[in-house]
Amino acid sequence: MLYYLYEYLTSQGIHIPGLNLLRYISFRAGMSVLLSLWIALVYGKKIINFLRRRQMGELVRDLGLEGQKQKEGTPTMGGLIIIISTLIPVLLFT
């Protein structure tokens, strides 16, 4: 998305310093990785707290295992963090 914005601006004769880096796939890939990591670190805890407030936790059956009850209430939708932190950079930098 940002690459297409760069192409549009340059076709209109608008040149913004530093925006030329978006031409390079290595720059876009690196920025995508950094943005993905940043999203996971910053918003991961907020998403986990949100899931706990909505009581989307794991139900644990009593199997008689030691330490089993500690797992109760752990959010089960942690993959949501991975999907969000992957999808946003892909949409921005491809």
N, C-alpha and C. Protein backbone atom coordinates (compact mmCIF):
# COMPACT_ATOMS: atom_id res chain seq x y z
N MET A 1 0.82 -1.18 0.00
CA MET A 1 0.00 0.00 0.00
C MET A 1 0.88 1.26 0.00
N LEU A 2 1.90 1.26 0.83
CA LEU A 2 2.79 2.41 0.87
C LEU A 2 3.58 2.54 -0.42
N TYR A 3 3.90 1.41 -1.04
CA TYR A 3 4.63 1.44 -2.31
C TYR A 3 3.78 2.09 -3.40
N TYR A 4 2.50 1.76 -3.43
CA TYR A 4 1.62 2.36 -4.43
C TYR A 4 1.41 3.85 -4.16
N LEU A 5 1.41 4.23 -2.91
CA LEU A 5 1.34 5.65 -2.57
C LEU A 5 2.59 6.36 -3.06
N TYR A 6 3.75 5.72 -2.87
CA TYR A 6 5.01 6.28 -3.37
C TYR A 6 4.97 6.45 -4.89
N GLU A 7 4.50 5.42 -5.60
CA GLU A 7 4.42 5.50 -7.06
C GLU A 7 3.48 6.62 -7.50
N TYR A 8 2.37 6.76 -6.83
CA TYR A 8 1.41 7.80 -7.19
C TYR A 8 2.01 9.18 -6.97
N LEU A 9 2.65 9.38 -5.83
CA LEU A 9 3.22 10.69 -5.54
C LEU A 9 4.33 11.05 -6.51
N THR A 10 5.18 10.09 -6.87
CA THR A 10 6.25 10.39 -7.83
C THR A 10 5.70 10.65 -9.22
N SER A 11 4.61 9.99 -9.59
CA SER A 11 4.01 10.25 -10.90
C SER A 11 3.37 11.64 -10.95
N GLN A 12 2.99 12.17 -9.79
CA GLN A 12 2.42 13.51 -9.72
C GLN A 12 3.49 14.59 -9.56
N GLY A 13 4.76 14.17 -9.50
CA GLY A 13 5.85 15.13 -9.36
C GLY A 13 6.14 15.52 -7.93
N ILE A 14 5.59 14.81 -6.98
CA ILE A 14 5.82 15.11 -5.57
C ILE A 14 6.93 14.19 -5.07
N HIS A 15 8.02 14.78 -4.60
CA HIS A 15 9.15 13.99 -4.12
C HIS A 15 9.38 14.29 -2.64
N ILE A 16 9.18 13.29 -1.81
CA ILE A 16 9.37 13.42 -0.36
C ILE A 16 10.68 12.72 -0.02
N PRO A 17 11.59 13.42 0.67
CA PRO A 17 12.89 12.81 1.00
C PRO A 17 12.71 11.54 1.85
N GLY A 18 13.45 10.50 1.50
CA GLY A 18 13.40 9.24 2.24
C GLY A 18 12.36 8.27 1.74
N LEU A 19 11.38 8.75 1.03
CA LEU A 19 10.31 7.88 0.53
C LEU A 19 10.81 6.99 -0.61
N ASN A 20 11.94 7.34 -1.17
CA ASN A 20 12.54 6.56 -2.25
C ASN A 20 12.95 5.16 -1.78
N LEU A 21 13.13 4.98 -0.47
CA LEU A 21 13.50 3.68 0.07
C LEU A 21 12.42 2.62 -0.17
N LEU A 22 11.20 3.04 -0.38
CA LEU A 22 10.11 2.08 -0.60
C LEU A 22 10.25 1.32 -1.91
N ARG A 23 11.16 1.76 -2.78
CA ARG A 23 11.41 1.03 -4.03
C ARG A 23 12.09 -0.30 -3.78
N TYR A 24 12.82 -0.42 -2.69
CA TYR A 24 13.64 -1.61 -2.43
C TYR A 24 12.86 -2.64 -1.62
N ILE A 25 12.81 -3.86 -2.16
CA ILE A 25 12.08 -4.93 -1.48
C ILE A 25 12.72 -5.30 -0.15
N SER A 26 14.04 -5.16 -0.07
CA SER A 26 14.72 -5.50 1.19
C SER A 26 14.33 -4.52 2.30
N PHE A 27 14.17 -3.25 1.96
CA PHE A 27 13.74 -2.27 2.95
C PHE A 27 12.32 -2.56 3.41
N ARG A 28 11.45 -2.86 2.45
CA ARG A 28 10.05 -3.15 2.81
C ARG A 28 9.94 -4.43 3.64
N ALA A 29 10.76 -5.43 3.33
CA ALA A 29 10.73 -6.68 4.10
C ALA A 29 11.23 -6.43 5.52
N GLY A 30 12.30 -5.67 5.65
CA GLY A 30 12.83 -5.37 6.98
C GLY A 30 11.86 -4.56 7.81
N MET A 31 11.24 -3.57 7.20
CA MET A 31 10.26 -2.76 7.91
C MET A 31 9.03 -3.59 8.30
N SER A 32 8.67 -4.53 7.45
CA SER A 32 7.54 -5.40 7.75
C SER A 32 7.84 -6.27 8.97
N VAL A 33 9.05 -6.80 9.05
CA VAL A 33 9.44 -7.61 10.21
C VAL A 33 9.46 -6.77 11.48
N LEU A 34 10.04 -5.58 11.40
CA LEU A 34 10.11 -4.71 12.58
C LEU A 34 8.72 -4.27 13.04
N LEU A 35 7.86 -3.93 12.09
CA LEU A 35 6.50 -3.52 12.45
C LEU A 35 5.72 -4.69 13.06
N SER A 36 5.91 -5.87 12.52
CA SER A 36 5.24 -7.05 13.06
C SER A 36 5.68 -7.32 14.50
N LEU A 37 6.97 -7.24 14.74
CA LEU A 37 7.49 -7.44 16.10
C LEU A 37 6.95 -6.37 17.04
N TRP A 38 6.94 -5.13 16.59
CA TRP A 38 6.45 -4.02 17.42
C TRP A 38 4.97 -4.21 17.77
N ILE A 39 4.17 -4.59 16.79
CA ILE A 39 2.74 -4.80 17.04
C ILE A 39 2.53 -5.92 18.06
N ALA A 40 3.27 -7.01 17.90
CA ALA A 40 3.12 -8.14 18.83
C ALA A 40 3.54 -7.76 20.24
N LEU A 41 4.61 -6.99 20.37
CA LEU A 41 5.09 -6.62 21.70
C LEU A 41 4.20 -5.58 22.37
N VAL A 42 3.77 -4.59 21.61
CA VAL A 42 2.98 -3.50 22.20
C VAL A 42 1.53 -3.91 22.44
N TYR A 43 0.92 -4.54 21.46
CA TYR A 43 -0.51 -4.84 21.57
C TYR A 43 -0.80 -6.25 22.07
N GLY A 44 0.21 -7.10 22.18
CA GLY A 44 -0.01 -8.47 22.64
C GLY A 44 -0.61 -8.53 24.03
N LYS A 45 -0.03 -7.78 24.95
CA LYS A 45 -0.53 -7.78 26.34
C LYS A 45 -1.95 -7.20 26.41
N LYS A 46 -2.21 -6.18 25.59
CA LYS A 46 -3.56 -5.58 25.59
C LYS A 46 -4.59 -6.57 25.06
N ILE A 47 -4.23 -7.33 24.04
CA ILE A 47 -5.16 -8.32 23.48
C ILE A 47 -5.41 -9.44 24.50
N ILE A 48 -4.36 -9.88 25.19
CA ILE A 48 -4.52 -10.92 26.21
C ILE A 48 -5.42 -10.44 27.33
N ASN A 49 -5.22 -9.20 27.79
CA ASN A 49 -6.09 -8.65 28.84
C ASN A 49 -7.53 -8.52 28.36
N PHE A 50 -7.71 -8.13 27.10
CA PHE A 50 -9.05 -8.03 26.52
C PHE A 50 -9.73 -9.40 26.51
N LEU A 51 -8.98 -10.42 26.11
CA LEU A 51 -9.55 -11.77 26.07
C LEU A 51 -9.89 -12.28 27.46
N ARG A 52 -9.09 -11.92 28.45
CA ARG A 52 -9.40 -12.31 29.83
C ARG A 52 -10.65 -11.62 30.34
N ARG A 53 -10.80 -10.33 30.01
CA ARG A 53 -12.01 -9.60 30.43
C ARG A 53 -13.26 -10.20 29.79
N ARG A 54 -13.14 -10.67 28.56
CA ARG A 54 -14.27 -11.27 27.86
C ARG A 54 -14.46 -12.73 28.26
N GLN A 55 -13.64 -13.21 29.17
CA GLN A 55 -13.68 -14.58 29.69
C GLN A 55 -13.58 -15.62 28.59
N MET A 56 -12.65 -15.39 27.66
CA MET A 56 -12.37 -16.35 26.60
C MET A 56 -11.19 -17.21 27.00
N GLY A 57 -11.30 -17.80 28.18
CA GLY A 57 -10.21 -18.60 28.72
C GLY A 57 -10.43 -20.09 28.50
N GLU A 58 -9.39 -20.82 28.78
CA GLU A 58 -9.41 -22.27 28.60
C GLU A 58 -10.07 -22.94 29.80
N LEU A 59 -10.94 -23.89 29.53
CA LEU A 59 -11.55 -24.71 30.58
C LEU A 59 -10.70 -25.96 30.75
N VAL A 60 -10.37 -26.28 31.99
CA VAL A 60 -9.50 -27.41 32.27
C VAL A 60 -10.31 -28.53 32.92
N ARG A 61 -10.23 -29.71 32.33
CA ARG A 61 -10.89 -30.88 32.93
C ARG A 61 -10.00 -31.43 34.04
N ASP A 62 -10.62 -32.00 35.03
CA ASP A 62 -9.85 -32.56 36.14
C ASP A 62 -9.34 -33.94 35.75
N LEU A 63 -8.05 -34.02 35.46
CA LEU A 63 -7.42 -35.28 35.10
C LEU A 63 -6.50 -35.77 36.20
N GLY A 64 -6.44 -35.02 37.29
CA GLY A 64 -5.59 -35.41 38.41
C GLY A 64 -4.12 -35.09 38.21
N LEU A 65 -3.82 -34.22 37.27
CA LEU A 65 -2.43 -33.87 37.00
C LEU A 65 -1.97 -32.73 37.90
N GLU A 66 -0.71 -32.76 38.24
CA GLU A 66 -0.13 -31.74 39.11
C GLU A 66 0.01 -30.42 38.35
N GLY A 67 -0.42 -29.31 38.94
CA GLY A 67 -0.30 -27.99 38.33
C GLY A 67 -1.31 -27.73 37.23
N GLN A 68 -2.31 -28.55 37.15
CA GLN A 68 -3.29 -28.44 36.08
C GLN A 68 -4.20 -27.22 36.24
N LYS A 69 -4.55 -26.89 37.46
CA LYS A 69 -5.47 -25.78 37.72
C LYS A 69 -4.82 -24.42 37.42
N GLN A 70 -3.51 -24.36 37.35
CA GLN A 70 -2.83 -23.10 37.05
C GLN A 70 -3.13 -22.65 35.62
N LYS A 71 -3.44 -23.58 34.76
CA LYS A 71 -3.69 -23.29 33.35
C LYS A 71 -5.10 -22.72 33.12
N GLU A 72 -5.97 -22.87 34.10
CA GLU A 72 -7.36 -22.44 33.93
C GLU A 72 -7.44 -20.93 33.77
N GLY A 73 -8.21 -20.50 32.79
CA GLY A 73 -8.40 -19.08 32.53
C GLY A 73 -7.40 -18.50 31.54
N THR A 74 -6.46 -19.30 31.06
CA THR A 74 -5.49 -18.83 30.07
C THR A 74 -6.23 -18.58 28.76
N PRO A 75 -6.07 -17.40 28.14
CA PRO A 75 -6.75 -17.12 26.88
C PRO A 75 -6.36 -18.13 25.80
N THR A 76 -7.35 -18.57 25.04
CA THR A 76 -7.11 -19.60 24.03
C THR A 76 -6.98 -19.02 22.63
N MET A 77 -7.18 -17.74 22.47
CA MET A 77 -7.13 -17.14 21.14
C MET A 77 -5.86 -16.31 20.96
N GLY A 78 -4.74 -16.80 21.43
CA GLY A 78 -3.47 -16.09 21.28
C GLY A 78 -3.01 -15.99 19.84
N GLY A 79 -3.51 -16.87 18.98
CA GLY A 79 -3.18 -16.80 17.56
C GLY A 79 -3.67 -15.52 16.92
N LEU A 80 -4.62 -14.87 17.56
CA LEU A 80 -5.12 -13.59 17.08
C LEU A 80 -3.99 -12.56 17.03
N ILE A 81 -3.09 -12.60 17.99
CA ILE A 81 -1.94 -11.69 18.02
C ILE A 81 -1.06 -11.95 16.80
N ILE A 82 -0.83 -13.21 16.49
CA ILE A 82 0.01 -13.56 15.34
C ILE A 82 -0.64 -13.11 14.04
N ILE A 83 -1.93 -13.32 13.90
CA ILE A 83 -2.63 -12.93 12.68
C ILE A 83 -2.59 -11.42 12.49
N ILE A 84 -2.88 -10.67 13.55
CA ILE A 84 -2.89 -9.21 13.45
C ILE A 84 -1.50 -8.67 13.16
N SER A 85 -0.48 -9.21 13.87
CA SER A 85 0.87 -8.69 13.68
C SER A 85 1.48 -9.12 12.35
N THR A 86 0.86 -10.04 11.65
CA THR A 86 1.32 -10.42 10.32
C THR A 86 0.52 -9.70 9.24
N LEU A 87 -0.76 -9.60 9.41
CA LEU A 87 -1.63 -9.04 8.39
C LEU A 87 -1.39 -7.55 8.15
N ILE A 88 -1.25 -6.78 9.20
CA ILE A 88 -1.08 -5.33 9.05
C ILE A 88 0.19 -4.97 8.28
N PRO A 89 1.38 -5.52 8.64
CA PRO A 89 2.57 -5.19 7.84
C PRO A 89 2.49 -5.68 6.39
N VAL A 90 1.86 -6.82 6.17
CA VAL A 90 1.73 -7.32 4.80
C VAL A 90 0.89 -6.35 3.97
N LEU A 91 -0.19 -5.86 4.53
CA LEU A 91 -1.03 -4.92 3.79
C LEU A 91 -0.33 -3.58 3.56
N LEU A 92 0.50 -3.16 4.50
CA LEU A 92 1.18 -1.88 4.35
C LEU A 92 2.36 -1.91 3.40
N PHE A 93 3.15 -2.98 3.44
CA PHE A 93 4.43 -2.98 2.73
C PHE A 93 4.47 -3.82 1.47
N THR A 94 3.36 -4.38 1.01
CA THR A 94 3.39 -5.13 -0.25
C THR A 94 2.72 -4.36 -1.36
